[in-house]
C-alpha atoms as a PDB file:
ATOM      1  CA  MET A   1       2.280 -30.388  -2.092  1.00  0.00           C
ATOM      2  CA  ASN A   2       5.592 -28.586  -2.040  1.00  0.00           C
ATOM      3  CA  VAL A   3       4.879 -24.925  -0.444  1.00  0.00           C
ATOM      4  CA  LEU A   4       8.212 -22.760  -1.092  1.00  0.00           C
ATOM      5  CA  VAL A   5       8.070 -20.118   1.280  1.00  0.00           C
ATOM      6  CA  MET A   6      10.609 -16.620   0.326  1.00  0.00           C
ATOM      7  CA  ALA A   7       9.185 -14.544   2.765  1.00  0.00           C
ATOM      8  CA  PRO A   8      11.571 -13.681   5.172  1.00  0.00           C
ATOM      9  CA  HIS A   9      10.011 -11.078   7.279  1.00  0.00           C
ATOM     10  CA  LEU A  10       7.540 -13.457   8.190  1.00  0.00           C
ATOM     11  CA  GLY A  11      10.009 -15.121  10.481  1.00  0.00           C
ATOM     12  CA  THR A  12      11.540 -18.168   9.956  1.00  0.00           C
ATOM     13  CA  ASP A  13       9.602 -20.434  12.184  1.00  0.00           C
ATOM     14  CA  LEU A  14       7.406 -22.367   9.002  1.00  0.00           C
ATOM     15  CA  ASP A  15       5.756 -24.995  11.503  1.00  0.00           C
ATOM     16  CA  TRP A  16       2.400 -22.935  10.633  1.00  0.00           C
ATOM     17  CA  VAL A  17       2.486 -23.397   6.942  1.00  0.00           C
ATOM     18  CA  ALA A  18       2.499 -27.560   7.281  1.00  0.00           C
ATOM     19  CA  ALA A  19       0.360 -27.487  10.432  1.00  0.00           C
ATOM     20  CA  VAL A  20      -2.550 -26.624   7.487  1.00  0.00           C
ATOM     21  CA  ASP A  21      -2.427 -30.018   6.409  1.00  0.00           C
ATOM     22  CA  PRO A  22      -0.293 -33.560   6.416  1.00  0.00           C
ATOM     23  CA  SER A  23       0.052 -33.345   2.500  1.00  0.00           C
ATOM     24  CA  VAL A  24       2.139 -29.929   2.674  1.00  0.00           C
ATOM     25  CA  ARG A  25       5.756 -30.207   2.346  1.00  0.00           C
ATOM     26  CA  VAL A  26       7.191 -26.990   3.546  1.00  0.00           C
ATOM     27  CA  LEU A  27      10.418 -25.858   1.347  1.00  0.00           C
ATOM     28  CA  ASP A  28      12.573 -23.542   3.155  1.00  0.00           C
ATOM     29  CA  GLY A  29      13.637 -20.276   0.695  1.00  0.00           C
ATOM     30  CA  ASN A  30      13.935 -17.727   2.911  1.00  0.00           C
ATOM     31  CA  ALA A  31      18.012 -17.880   2.663  1.00  0.00           C
ATOM     32  CA  ALA A  32      17.989 -18.519  -0.897  1.00  0.00           C
ATOM     33  CA  PHE A  33      15.653 -15.887  -1.813  1.00  0.00           C
ATOM     34  CA  LEU A  34      18.090 -13.200  -0.105  1.00  0.00           C
ATOM     35  CA  ALA A  35      20.921 -14.542  -1.619  1.00  0.00           C
ATOM     36  CA  ASP A  36      18.885 -14.496  -4.786  1.00  0.00           C
ATOM     37  CA  LEU A  37      18.529 -10.307  -3.966  1.00  0.00           C
ATOM     38  CA  ALA A  38      22.053  -9.883  -3.062  1.00  0.00           C
ATOM     39  CA  ASP A  39      23.868 -11.391  -5.967  1.00  0.00           C
ATOM     40  CA  LEU A  40      20.915  -8.934  -8.191  1.00  0.00           C
ATOM     41  CA  GLY A  41      21.719  -6.026  -5.897  1.00  0.00           C
ATOM     42  CA  ILE A  42      18.307  -5.506  -5.245  1.00  0.00           C
ATOM     43  CA  GLY A  43      17.124  -3.623  -2.263  1.00  0.00           C
ATOM     44  CA  ARG A  44      20.541  -3.310  -0.819  1.00  0.00           C
ATOM     45  CA  VAL A  45      20.179  -6.675   0.645  1.00  0.00           C
ATOM     46  CA  ASP A  46      23.220  -8.213   2.406  1.00  0.00           C
ATOM     47  CA  PRO A  47      24.037 -12.219   1.583  1.00  0.00           C
ATOM     48  CA  PRO A  48      22.895 -14.374   4.653  1.00  0.00           C
ATOM     49  CA  ASP A  49      25.063 -16.403   6.374  1.00  0.00           C
ATOM     50  CA  HIS A  50      25.632 -19.614   4.750  1.00  0.00           C
ATOM     51  CA  ALA A  51      23.532 -18.760   1.790  1.00  0.00           C
ATOM     52  CA  PRO A  52      22.374 -21.466  -0.718  1.00  0.00           C
ATOM     53  CA  ALA A  53      24.801 -22.172  -3.924  1.00  0.00           C
ATOM     54  CA  PRO A  54      22.822 -21.014  -6.817  1.00  0.00           C
ATOM     55  CA  ALA A  55      22.307 -25.253  -7.863  1.00  0.00           C
ATOM     56  CA  ALA A  56      20.529 -25.562  -4.508  1.00  0.00           C
ATOM     57  CA  ARG A  57      18.392 -22.481  -4.929  1.00  0.00           C
ATOM     58  CA  ALA A  58      17.249 -23.690  -8.619  1.00  0.00           C
ATOM     59  CA  ALA A  59      16.183 -26.723  -7.058  1.00  0.00           C
ATOM     60  CA  LEU A  60      13.963 -24.783  -4.518  1.00  0.00           C
ATOM     61  CA  LEU A  61      12.212 -23.394  -7.307  1.00  0.00           C
ATOM     62  CA  ALA A  62      12.306 -26.647  -9.222  1.00  0.00           C
ATOM     63  CA  ASP A  63      10.393 -28.341  -6.811  1.00  0.00           C
ATOM     64  CA  ALA A  64       7.380 -25.569  -5.566  1.00  0.00           C
ATOM     65  CA  ASP A  65       4.196 -25.965  -6.749  1.00  0.00           C
ATOM     66  CA  VAL A  66       3.167 -23.457  -4.574  1.00  0.00           C
ATOM     67  CA  LEU A  67       4.966 -19.943  -3.821  1.00  0.00           C
ATOM     68  CA  LEU A  68       4.560 -17.718  -0.379  1.00  0.00           C
ATOM     69  CA  VAL A  69       6.713 -14.608  -1.369  1.00  0.00           C
ATOM     70  CA  GLY A  70       7.876 -11.258  -0.577  1.00  0.00           C
ATOM     71  CA  TYR A  71       8.945  -8.287  -1.526  1.00  0.00           C
ATOM     72  CA  PRO A  72      11.484  -7.218  -3.110  1.00  0.00           C
ATOM     73  CA  LEU A  73      12.167 -10.224  -5.995  1.00  0.00           C
ATOM     74  CA  PRO A  74      13.813 -10.965  -8.484  1.00  0.00           C
ATOM     75  CA  VAL A  75      12.537 -10.523 -12.162  1.00  0.00           C
ATOM     76  CA  ALA A  76      12.978 -13.917 -12.792  1.00  0.00           C
ATOM     77  CA  LEU A  77      10.863 -16.910 -10.485  1.00  0.00           C
ATOM     78  CA  ALA A  78       7.919 -18.587 -12.830  1.00  0.00           C
ATOM     79  CA  ALA A  79      11.009 -19.393 -15.267  1.00  0.00           C
ATOM     80  CA  ARG A  80      12.772 -21.321 -12.847  1.00  0.00           C
ATOM     81  CA  ALA A  81       9.401 -23.271 -11.618  1.00  0.00           C
ATOM     82  CA  PRO A  82       7.831 -25.292 -14.041  1.00  0.00           C
ATOM     83  CA  ARG A  83       5.334 -26.571 -11.563  1.00  0.00           C
ATOM     84  CA  LEU A  84       4.557 -23.391  -9.914  1.00  0.00           C
ATOM     85  CA  ALA A  85       0.963 -22.881 -10.113  1.00  0.00           C
ATOM     86  CA  TRP A  86      -0.283 -20.637  -7.571  1.00  0.00           C
ATOM     87  CA  VAL A  87       1.793 -17.644  -6.262  1.00  0.00           C
ATOM     88  CA  HIS A  88       0.735 -15.587  -2.751  1.00  0.00           C
ATOM     89  CA  HIS A  89       2.316 -12.369  -2.661  1.00  0.00           C
ATOM     90  CA  THR A  90       2.502 -10.667   0.930  1.00  0.00           C
ATOM     91  CA  GLN A  91       2.350  -6.905  -0.108  1.00  0.00           C
ATOM     92  CA  ALA A  92      -1.314  -5.261  -0.121  1.00  0.00           C
ATOM     93  CA  GLY A  93      -0.102  -3.686  -3.823  1.00  0.00           C
ATOM     94  CA  VAL A  94       0.699  -6.350  -6.774  1.00  0.00           C
ATOM     95  CA  SER A  95       1.971  -3.720  -8.990  1.00  0.00           C
ATOM     96  CA  ASN A  96       5.190  -4.663  -7.596  1.00  0.00           C
ATOM     97  CA  LEU A  97       5.006  -7.721  -9.314  1.00  0.00           C
ATOM     98  CA  LEU A  98       4.430  -5.927 -12.861  1.00  0.00           C
ATOM     99  CA  GLY A  99       8.421  -6.325 -13.642  1.00  0.00           C
ATOM    100  CA  SER A 100       8.536  -9.801 -12.619  1.00  0.00           C
ATOM    101  CA  ASP A 101       7.408 -12.913 -15.040  1.00  0.00           C
ATOM    102  CA  LEU A 102       4.916 -14.034 -12.339  1.00  0.00           C
ATOM    103  CA  TRP A 103       2.723 -11.545 -14.348  1.00  0.00           C
ATOM    104  CA  SER A 104       2.750 -12.963 -17.372  1.00  0.00           C
ATOM    105  CA  ALA A 105       2.978 -16.522 -15.847  1.00  0.00           C
ATOM    106  CA  ASP A 106       0.242 -18.929 -16.685  1.00  0.00           C
ATOM    107  CA  VAL A 107      -0.341 -19.501 -12.524  1.00  0.00           C
ATOM    108  CA  LEU A 108      -3.003 -17.978  -9.992  1.00  0.00           C
ATOM    109  CA  LEU A 109      -1.974 -14.715  -7.843  1.00  0.00           C
ATOM    110  CA  THR A 110      -3.484 -13.807  -4.972  1.00  0.00           C
ATOM    111  CA  SER A 111      -2.254 -10.852  -2.739  1.00  0.00           C
ATOM    112  CA  SER A 112      -2.336  -9.656   1.067  1.00  0.00           C
ATOM    113  CA  ARG A 113      -4.629  -6.686   0.174  1.00  0.00           C
ATOM    114  CA  GLY A 114      -6.540  -5.724   3.806  1.00  0.00           C
ATOM    115  CA  ALA A 115      -4.143  -8.129   5.721  1.00  0.00           C
ATOM    116  CA  VAL A 116      -0.518  -5.687   5.834  1.00  0.00           C
ATOM    117  CA  ALA A 117      -0.752  -3.217   8.889  1.00  0.00           C
ATOM    118  CA  ALA A 118      -3.840  -1.508   7.693  1.00  0.00           C
ATOM    119  CA  GLU A 119      -4.577  -0.451  11.464  1.00  0.00           C
ATOM    120  CA  ALA A 120      -0.803   1.365  11.760  1.00  0.00           C
ATOM    121  CA  ILE A 121      -1.380   3.108   7.841  1.00  0.00           C
ATOM    122  CA  ALA A 122      -4.853   4.465   9.060  1.00  0.00           C
ATOM    123  CA  GLU A 123      -3.118   5.725  12.030  1.00  0.00           C
ATOM    124  CA  TYR A 124      -0.468   7.596  10.145  1.00  0.00           C
ATOM    125  CA  ALA A 125      -3.082   8.839   7.547  1.00  0.00           C
ATOM    126  CA  VAL A 126      -5.327  10.867   9.914  1.00  0.00           C
ATOM    127  CA  ALA A 127      -2.060  11.905  12.122  1.00  0.00           C
ATOM    128  CA  GLY A 128      -0.999  13.748   8.678  1.00  0.00           C
ATOM    129  CA  VAL A 129      -4.981  15.130   8.697  1.00  0.00           C
ATOM    130  CA  LEU A 130      -4.399  16.318  12.234  1.00  0.00           C
ATOM    131  CA  ALA A 131      -1.288  17.722  11.928  1.00  0.00           C
ATOM    132  CA  PHE A 132      -2.380  19.719   9.118  1.00  0.00           C
ATOM    133  CA  ALA A 133      -5.232  20.641  10.876  1.00  0.00           C
ATOM    134  CA  ARG A 134      -4.137  21.634  14.556  1.00  0.00           C
ATOM    135  CA  GLY A 135      -1.124  23.621  12.627  1.00  0.00           C
ATOM    136  CA  LEU A 136       1.899  21.046  14.330  1.00  0.00           C
ATOM    137  CA  LEU A 137       3.775  21.693  11.271  1.00  0.00           C
ATOM    138  CA  THR A 138       4.057  24.962  11.864  1.00  0.00           C
ATOM    139  CA  ALA A 139       5.886  24.176  15.089  1.00  0.00           C
ATOM    140  CA  ALA A 140       7.713  21.700  14.052  1.00  0.00           C
ATOM    141  CA  ARG A 141       9.061  23.952  11.132  1.00  0.00           C
ATOM    142  CA  ARG A 142      10.619  26.677  13.383  1.00  0.00           C
ATOM    143  CA  PRO A 143      13.732  27.292  13.411  1.00  0.00           C
ATOM    144  CA  LEU A 144      15.780  26.004  16.558  1.00  0.00           C
ATOM    145  CA  GLY A 145      15.007  28.214  19.599  1.00  0.00           C
ATOM    146  CA  GLU A 146      12.677  30.479  17.868  1.00  0.00           C
ATOM    147  CA  ALA A 147       9.566  30.850  19.740  1.00  0.00           C
ATOM    148  CA  THR A 148       5.873  29.935  17.642  1.00  0.00           C
ATOM    149  CA  ARG A 149       3.562  33.097  17.748  1.00  0.00           C
ATOM    150  CA  ARG A 150      -0.505  32.429  18.469  1.00  0.00           C
ATOM    151  CA  HIS A 151      -1.328  33.891  14.825  1.00  0.00           C
ATOM    152  CA  ASP A 152       0.722  31.322  12.961  1.00  0.00           C
ATOM    153  CA  TYR A 153      -2.166  28.937  14.184  1.00  0.00           C
ATOM    154  CA  ALA A 154      -4.879  30.839  13.171  1.00  0.00           C
ATOM    155  CA  ALA A 155      -5.649  28.270   9.784  1.00  0.00           C
ATOM    156  CA  SER A 156      -6.066  25.645  12.502  1.00  0.00           C
ATOM    157  CA  ARG A 157      -9.527  24.321  11.684  1.00  0.00           C
ATOM    158  CA  PRO A 158     -11.357  21.445  13.706  1.00  0.00           C
ATOM    159  CA  VAL A 159     -11.843  17.954  11.541  1.00  0.00           C
ATOM    160  CA  ASP A 160     -14.985  17.511  13.758  1.00  0.00           C
ATOM    161  CA  GLY A 161     -17.537  17.700  10.843  1.00  0.00           C
ATOM    162  CA  ALA A 162     -15.191  18.005   8.060  1.00  0.00           C
ATOM    163  CA  THR A 163     -15.566  16.290   5.486  1.00  0.00           C
ATOM    164  CA  LEU A 164     -12.811  13.143   4.762  1.00  0.00           C
ATOM    165  CA  GLY A 165     -12.813  11.609   1.386  1.00  0.00           C
ATOM    166  CA  VAL A 166     -11.262   8.054   0.967  1.00  0.00           C
ATOM    167  CA  ILE A 167     -10.267   6.792  -2.433  1.00  0.00           C
ATOM    168  CA  GLY A 168     -10.171   3.152  -2.734  1.00  0.00           C
ATOM    169  CA  LEU A 169     -12.394   1.515   0.100  1.00  0.00           C
ATOM    170  CA  GLY A 170     -10.168  -1.245   0.882  1.00  0.00           C
ATOM    171  CA  GLY A 171      -8.935  -2.641   3.775  1.00  0.00           C
ATOM    172  CA  ILE A 172      -6.904   0.605   4.491  1.00  0.00           C
ATOM    173  CA  GLY A 173      -9.186   2.346   3.317  1.00  0.00           C
ATOM    174  CA  ARG A 174     -11.998   0.831   5.565  1.00  0.00           C
ATOM    175  CA  GLU A 175      -9.611   1.098   8.438  1.00  0.00           C
ATOM    176  CA  VAL A 176      -9.177   5.868   7.391  1.00  0.00           C
ATOM    177  CA  ALA A 177     -12.686   5.651   7.343  1.00  0.00           C
ATOM    178  CA  ARG A 178     -13.523   4.202  10.621  1.00  0.00           C
ATOM    179  CA  LEU A 179     -10.742   6.428  12.254  1.00  0.00           C
ATOM    180  CA  GLY A 180     -12.204   9.571  10.577  1.00  0.00           C
ATOM    181  CA  ARG A 181     -15.692   9.008  11.920  1.00  0.00           C
ATOM    182  CA  ALA A 182     -14.663   8.470  15.588  1.00  0.00           C
ATOM    183  CA  LEU A 183     -13.138  11.837  15.128  1.00  0.00           C
ATOM    184  CA  GLY A 184     -16.490  13.002  13.936  1.00  0.00           C
ATOM    185  CA  MET A 185     -15.933  13.290  10.341  1.00  0.00           C
ATOM    186  CA  ARG A 186     -18.431  12.822   7.790  1.00  0.00           C
ATOM    187  CA  VAL A 187     -16.754  10.042   5.024  1.00  0.00           C
ATOM    188  CA  VAL A 188     -17.363   9.873   1.604  1.00  0.00           C
ATOM    189  CA  ALA A 189     -15.037   7.031  -0.312  1.00  0.00           C
ATOM    190  CA  THR A 190     -14.811   5.767  -3.809  1.00  0.00           C
ATOM    191  CA  ARG A 191     -14.928   2.078  -4.878  1.00  0.00           C
ATOM    192  CA  GLY A 192     -14.347   0.410  -8.185  1.00  0.00           C
ATOM    193  CA  SER A 193     -16.890  -2.177  -7.839  1.00  0.00           C
ATOM    194  CA  ILE A 194     -19.735  -0.337  -7.625  1.00  0.00           C
ATOM    195  CA  GLN A 195     -21.881   1.519  -9.698  1.00  0.00           C
ATOM    196  CA  GLN A 196     -24.418   3.840  -8.345  1.00  0.00           C
ATOM    197  CA  PRO A 197     -23.913   6.008  -5.136  1.00  0.00           C
ATOM    198  CA  VAL A 198     -24.846   4.737  -1.755  1.00  0.00           C
ATOM    199  CA  ARG A 199     -25.654   6.383   1.552  1.00  0.00           C
ATOM    200  CA  ASP A 200     -24.728   4.939   5.044  1.00  0.00           C
ATOM    201  CA  ALA A 201     -22.787   1.761   3.413  1.00  0.00           C
ATOM    202  CA  GLU A 202     -19.853  -0.092   4.721  1.00  0.00           C
ATOM    203  CA  GLY A 203     -18.824   2.241   7.424  1.00  0.00           C
ATOM    204  CA  VAL A 204     -19.383   5.871   5.027  1.00  0.00           C
ATOM    205  CA  ASP A 205     -21.465   8.353   4.876  1.00  0.00           C
ATOM    206  CA  LEU A 206     -21.769   8.584   1.248  1.00  0.00           C
ATOM    207  CA  LEU A 207     -19.765   5.424  -0.896  1.00  0.00           C
ATOM    208  CA  LEU A 208     -19.227   6.187  -4.363  1.00  0.00           C
ATOM    209  CA  PRO A 209     -18.502   4.953  -8.178  1.00  0.00           C
ATOM    210  CA  ALA A 210     -14.367   5.488  -8.697  1.00  0.00           C
ATOM    211  CA  ALA A 211     -15.976   7.636 -11.873  1.00  0.00           C
ATOM    212  CA  ASP A 212     -17.060  10.120  -9.821  1.00  0.00           C
ATOM    213  CA  LEU A 213     -14.016  10.818  -8.295  1.00  0.00           C
ATOM    214  CA  HIS A 214     -14.288  14.501  -8.975  1.00  0.00           C
ATOM    215  CA  ARG A 215     -17.972  14.711  -6.779  1.00  0.00           C
ATOM    216  CA  LEU A 216     -15.403  13.188  -3.768  1.00  0.00           C
ATOM    217  CA  ALA A 217     -12.809  16.151  -4.641  1.00  0.00           C
ATOM    218  CA  THR A 218     -15.858  18.418  -4.900  1.00  0.00           C
ATOM    219  CA  GLU A 219     -17.012  17.515  -0.907  1.00  0.00           C
ATOM    220  CA  SER A 220     -13.825  16.840   0.852  1.00  0.00           C
ATOM    221  CA  ASP A 221     -11.679  19.325   3.336  1.00  0.00           C
ATOM    222  CA  PHE A 222      -9.013  16.112   3.423  1.00  0.00           C
ATOM    223  CA  VAL A 223      -8.170  13.104   0.837  1.00  0.00           C
ATOM    224  CA  VAL A 224      -6.410  10.554   1.793  1.00  0.00           C
ATOM    225  CA  CYS A 225      -5.674   7.709  -1.565  1.00  0.00           C
ATOM    226  CA  CYS A 226      -5.369   4.257  -0.463  1.00  0.00           C
ATOM    227  CA  ALA A 227      -6.140   3.048  -4.006  1.00  0.00           C
ATOM    228  CA  GLN A 228      -4.410   0.108  -5.719  1.00  0.00           C
ATOM    229  CA  LEU A 229      -1.822   1.051  -8.608  1.00  0.00           C
ATOM    230  CA  THR A 230      -3.659   0.271 -11.884  1.00  0.00           C
ATOM    231  CA  PRO A 231      -3.217   1.665 -15.692  1.00  0.00           C
ATOM    232  CA  ALA A 232      -6.296   3.222 -14.456  1.00  0.00           C
ATOM    233  CA  THR A 233      -5.350   4.991 -11.560  1.00  0.00           C
ATOM    234  CA  THR A 234      -1.889   5.868 -12.738  1.00  0.00           C
ATOM    235  CA  HIS A 235      -1.932   9.952 -12.215  1.00  0.00           C
ATOM    236  CA  LEU A 236      -5.694   9.622 -11.217  1.00  0.00           C
ATOM    237  CA  LEU A 237      -5.229  13.025  -9.287  1.00  0.00           C
ATOM    238  CA  ASP A 238      -4.713  15.097 -12.120  1.00  0.00           C
ATOM    239  CA  ASP A 239      -5.228  18.784 -12.495  1.00  0.00           C
ATOM    240  CA  ALA A 240      -8.616  18.403 -13.008  1.00  0.00           C
ATOM    241  CA  PHE A 241      -8.876  16.347  -9.002  1.00  0.00           C
ATOM    242  CA  PHE A 242      -6.838  19.300  -7.738  1.00  0.00           C
ATOM    243  CA  ALA A 243      -9.120  21.963  -9.849  1.00  0.00           C
ATOM    244  CA  ALA A 244     -12.520  19.742  -8.095  1.00  0.00           C
ATOM    245  CA  LEU A 245     -10.805  20.064  -4.192  1.00  0.00           C
ATOM    246  CA  ARG A 246     -12.171  22.362  -1.840  1.00  0.00           C
ATOM    247  CA  PRO A 247      -9.726  25.306  -1.653  1.00  0.00           C
ATOM    248  CA  GLY A 248      -7.354  24.338   1.075  1.00  0.00           C
ATOM    249  CA  ALA A 249      -7.883  20.820   1.357  1.00  0.00           C
ATOM    250  CA  VAL A 250      -4.974  18.458   2.561  1.00  0.00           C
ATOM    251  CA  LEU A 251      -4.038  15.468   0.846  1.00  0.00           C
ATOM    252  CA  VAL A 252      -2.668  12.672   1.916  1.00  0.00           C
ATOM    253  CA  ASN A 253      -1.007   9.295   0.356  1.00  0.00           C
ATOM    254  CA  VAL A 254      -0.261   6.042   1.640  1.00  0.00           C
ATOM    255  CA  ALA A 255      -1.091   3.832  -1.779  1.00  0.00           C
ATOM    256  CA  ARG A 256       1.531   4.318  -4.648  1.00  0.00           C
ATOM    257  CA  GLY A 257       3.384   7.670  -5.758  1.00  0.00           C
ATOM    258  CA  GLU A 258       2.621   6.701  -9.516  1.00  0.00           C
ATOM    259  CA  GLU A 259      -1.131   7.585  -8.653  1.00  0.00           C
ATOM    260  CA  ILE A 260      -0.482  11.159  -8.245  1.00  0.00           C
ATOM    261  CA  ASP A 261       0.679  13.170 -10.912  1.00  0.00           C
ATOM    262  CA  GLU A 262       3.094  15.307  -8.979  1.00  0.00           C
ATOM    263  CA  GLN A 263       3.360  18.102 -11.350  1.00  0.00           C
ATOM    264  CA  ALA A 264       0.020  18.923 -10.954  1.00  0.00           C
ATOM    265  CA  LEU A 265       0.150  18.513  -7.306  1.00  0.00           C
ATOM    266  CA  LEU A 266       3.255  21.039  -7.484  1.00  0.00           C
ATOM    267  CA  ARG A 267       0.726  23.418  -9.292  1.00  0.00           C
ATOM    268  CA  ALA A 268      -1.795  22.891  -6.729  1.00  0.00           C
ATOM    269  CA  VAL A 269       0.774  23.659  -4.029  1.00  0.00           C
ATOM    270  CA  ASP A 270       1.786  26.703  -5.445  1.00  0.00           C
ATOM    271  CA  ALA A 271      -1.656  28.382  -6.648  1.00  0.00           C
ATOM    272  CA  GLY A 272      -2.872  27.690  -3.069  1.00  0.00           C
ATOM    273  CA  ARG A 273      -5.585  25.359  -4.065  1.00  0.00           C
ATOM    274  CA  LEU A 274      -3.829  22.491  -1.859  1.00  0.00           C
ATOM    275  CA  GLY A 275      -3.385  23.470   1.740  1.00  0.00           C
ATOM    276  CA  GLY A 276      -1.023  20.755   1.842  1.00  0.00           C
ATOM    277  CA  ALA A 277       0.100  16.755   1.443  1.00  0.00           C
ATOM    278  CA  LEU A 278       1.559  14.386   3.427  1.00  0.00           C
ATOM    279  CA  LEU A 279       3.441  11.974   1.069  1.00  0.00           C
ATOM    280  CA  ASP A 280       4.573   8.208   1.918  1.00  0.00           C
ATOM    281  CA  VAL A 281       5.781   7.520  -1.783  1.00  0.00           C
ATOM    282  CA  TYR A 282       6.618   9.218  -4.867  1.00  0.00           C
ATOM    283  CA  ASP A 283       6.682   8.733  -7.974  1.00  0.00           C
ATOM    284  CA  GLY A 284       9.297   6.257  -8.983  1.00  0.00           C
ATOM    285  CA  GLU A 285      10.268   4.776  -5.310  1.00  0.00           C
ATOM    286  CA  MET A 286       9.802   1.541  -6.299  1.00  0.00           C
ATOM    287  CA  VAL A 287      12.166   1.211  -8.705  1.00  0.00           C
ATOM    288  CA  GLY A 288      14.351   2.934  -7.066  1.00  0.00           C
ATOM    289  CA  ARG A 289      14.677   6.735  -8.456  1.00  0.00           C
ATOM    290  CA  PRO A 290      14.654   9.418  -5.578  1.00  0.00           C
ATOM    291  CA  PRO A 291      12.239  11.520  -4.911  1.00  0.00           C
ATOM    292  CA  ARG A 292      12.152  15.363  -7.283  1.00  0.00           C
ATOM    293  CA  PRO A 293      13.527  17.513  -5.218  1.00  0.00           C
ATOM    294  CA  GLU A 294      10.493  20.423  -4.834  1.00  0.00           C
ATOM    295  CA  LEU A 295       8.607  17.239  -2.768  1.00  0.00           C
ATOM    296  CA  THR A 296      11.361  17.887  -0.474  1.00  0.00           C
ATOM    297  CA  SER A 297      11.918  21.405  -0.406  1.00  0.00           C
ATOM    298  CA  THR A 298       8.141  22.820  -0.642  1.00  0.00           C
ATOM    299  CA  PRO A 299       7.310  23.706   3.151  1.00  0.00           C
ATOM    300  CA  SER A 300       3.723  22.298   3.006  1.00  0.00           C
ATOM    301  CA  ILE A 301       4.468  18.992   1.462  1.00  0.00           C
ATOM    302  CA  VAL A 302       5.999  16.406   4.126  1.00  0.00           C
ATOM    303  CA  LEU A 303       7.540  12.839   2.604  1.00  0.00           C
ATOM    304  CA  THR A 304       8.360  10.460   4.449  1.00  0.00           C
ATOM    305  CA  PRO A 305      10.513   7.300   3.428  1.00  0.00           C
ATOM    306  CA  HIS A 306       7.241   4.683   3.174  1.00  0.00           C
ATOM    307  CA  VAL A 307       6.737   3.825   6.739  1.00  0.00           C
ATOM    308  CA  SER A 308       3.311   4.399   7.104  1.00  0.00           C
ATOM    309  CA  GLY A 309       2.841   0.737   8.489  1.00  0.00           C
ATOM    310  CA  ALA A 310       5.969   0.924  11.215  1.00  0.00           C
ATOM    311  CA  GLY A 311       5.037   0.274  14.167  1.00  0.00           C
ATOM    312  CA  ASP A 312       2.362  -2.672  13.221  1.00  0.00           C
ATOM    313  CA  ARG A 313       1.746  -5.109  15.775  1.00  0.00           C
ATOM    314  CA  THR A 314       0.190  -7.637  14.531  1.00  0.00           C
ATOM    315  CA  GLY A 315       4.205  -9.450  13.156  1.00  0.00           C
ATOM    316  CA  GLY A 316       2.812 -10.415   9.893  1.00  0.00           C
ATOM    317  CA  ALA A 317      -0.037 -12.850  12.017  1.00  0.00           C
ATOM    318  CA  PRO A 318      -2.714 -11.417   9.145  1.00  0.00           C
ATOM    319  CA  VAL A 319      -0.473 -12.512   6.053  1.00  0.00           C
ATOM    320  CA  ARG A 320       0.035 -15.981   7.792  1.00  0.00           C
ATOM    321  CA  ALA A 321      -3.552 -16.366   8.523  1.00  0.00           C
ATOM    322  CA  LEU A 322      -5.032 -14.977   5.298  1.00  0.00           C
ATOM    323  CA  PHE A 323      -2.407 -17.565   3.320  1.00  0.00           C
ATOM    324  CA  ALA A 324      -3.285 -20.557   5.692  1.00  0.00           C
ATOM    325  CA  ASP A 325      -6.446 -20.060   4.847  1.00  0.00           C
ATOM    326  CA  ASN A 326      -6.401 -19.888   1.515  1.00  0.00           C
ATOM    327  CA  LEU A 327      -3.637 -22.817   0.836  1.00  0.00           C
ATOM    328  CA  ARG A 328      -6.996 -25.078   2.904  1.00  0.00           C
ATOM    329  CA  ARG A 329      -8.905 -23.325   0.306  1.00  0.00           C
ATOM    330  CA  TYR A 330      -6.718 -24.513  -2.472  1.00  0.00           C
ATOM    331  CA  LEU A 331      -5.923 -28.194  -1.276  1.00  0.00           C
ATOM    332  CA  ALA A 332      -9.514 -28.595  -1.341  1.00  0.00           C
ATOM    333  CA  GLY A 333     -10.528 -26.874  -4.434  1.00  0.00           C
ATOM    334  CA  GLN A 334     -12.379 -24.310  -3.467  1.00  0.00           C
ATOM    335  CA  PRO A 335     -12.472 -20.321  -4.504  1.00  0.00           C
ATOM    336  CA  LEU A 336      -9.222 -18.438  -3.288  1.00  0.00           C
ATOM    337  CA  ARG A 337      -9.317 -15.220  -1.229  1.00  0.00           C
ATOM    338  CA  ASN A 338      -7.812 -11.872  -3.237  1.00  0.00           C
ATOM    339  CA  LEU A 339      -7.521 -13.861  -6.068  1.00  0.00           C
ATOM    340  CA  VAL A 340      -5.426 -10.746  -8.355  1.00  0.00           C
ATOM    341  CA  GLU A 341      -7.574 -10.136 -12.215  1.00  0.00           C
ATOM    342  CA  ARG A 342      -4.725  -8.896 -14.156  1.00  0.00           C
ATOM    343  CA  ASP A 343      -6.662  -7.385 -16.528  1.00  0.00           C
ATOM    344  CA  ARG A 344      -7.863  -4.882 -13.798  1.00  0.00           C
ATOM    345  CA  GLY A 345      -4.103  -5.036 -12.373  1.00  0.00           C
ATOM    346  CA  TYR A 346      -5.417  -6.102  -8.590  1.00  0.00           C
END
């Protein structure tokens, strides 16, 4: 079983893959991966030292039965890998694969949802909640050398007793909910796999079907978007969603920018309906477009460059553990974890 690893961020030591089973032959494709990206001008990647020649890269893909691949990735991988049967993506979201031929190829796809920096991303989201709630952005935005005044913080409010809405109760959403509850917040969440509301389940006070998103909005003082990007979640947060929100609510997005109708977001801010937004992503980010100027010039919107996972202390260990477990399952003919359903988009 030839396992091709094209995920440089997981490290250069690949013994953990070979250790899964004696039948596993590991193909180190990290340098080939970086060379492909550099040749294609993807992700501003510099070519590695001693980059493999195109023929050597082609030979690696031609021999691969299983592929462990990171991001960003070349558009054409499946076309060069005739033996390929299963691909594991090191990212939580698979919308990254939509422009690749891996999405349309007749291969199994699995993702790393729930295993990618969940704690770090949740801490970022809760930090945003606290920064808006306690007025810290007022001090951060003051002109250099100018002191703030006590009445500038009149709008500060406690989070203890407030309601936190979590859109998408997956691995990251569950961690956001856990931290919110630790602060004394009531947590309402949505999940696409349930059909009826459930109380006091899975670490939240109220779990709603995805179709009840507007109910979540009406009950929430703070909302964190953690949902996977699919056709159904594109522009999920639209004018109707913002109209349903409690006045002055705050939004944090750690999912994908395309899940927010940014014009609707700006209208909600301008109307005073939305108290503020912390965005770690924006529409068009994944294809290299710059953010619309209003996202960086509106005082109540804070935009960061997809850094919510920074400071993760796991070093990729959960992703390696997930892939190793799935590789054992694959060799034994058992069902794989995090199997992607293409018709659902995740």
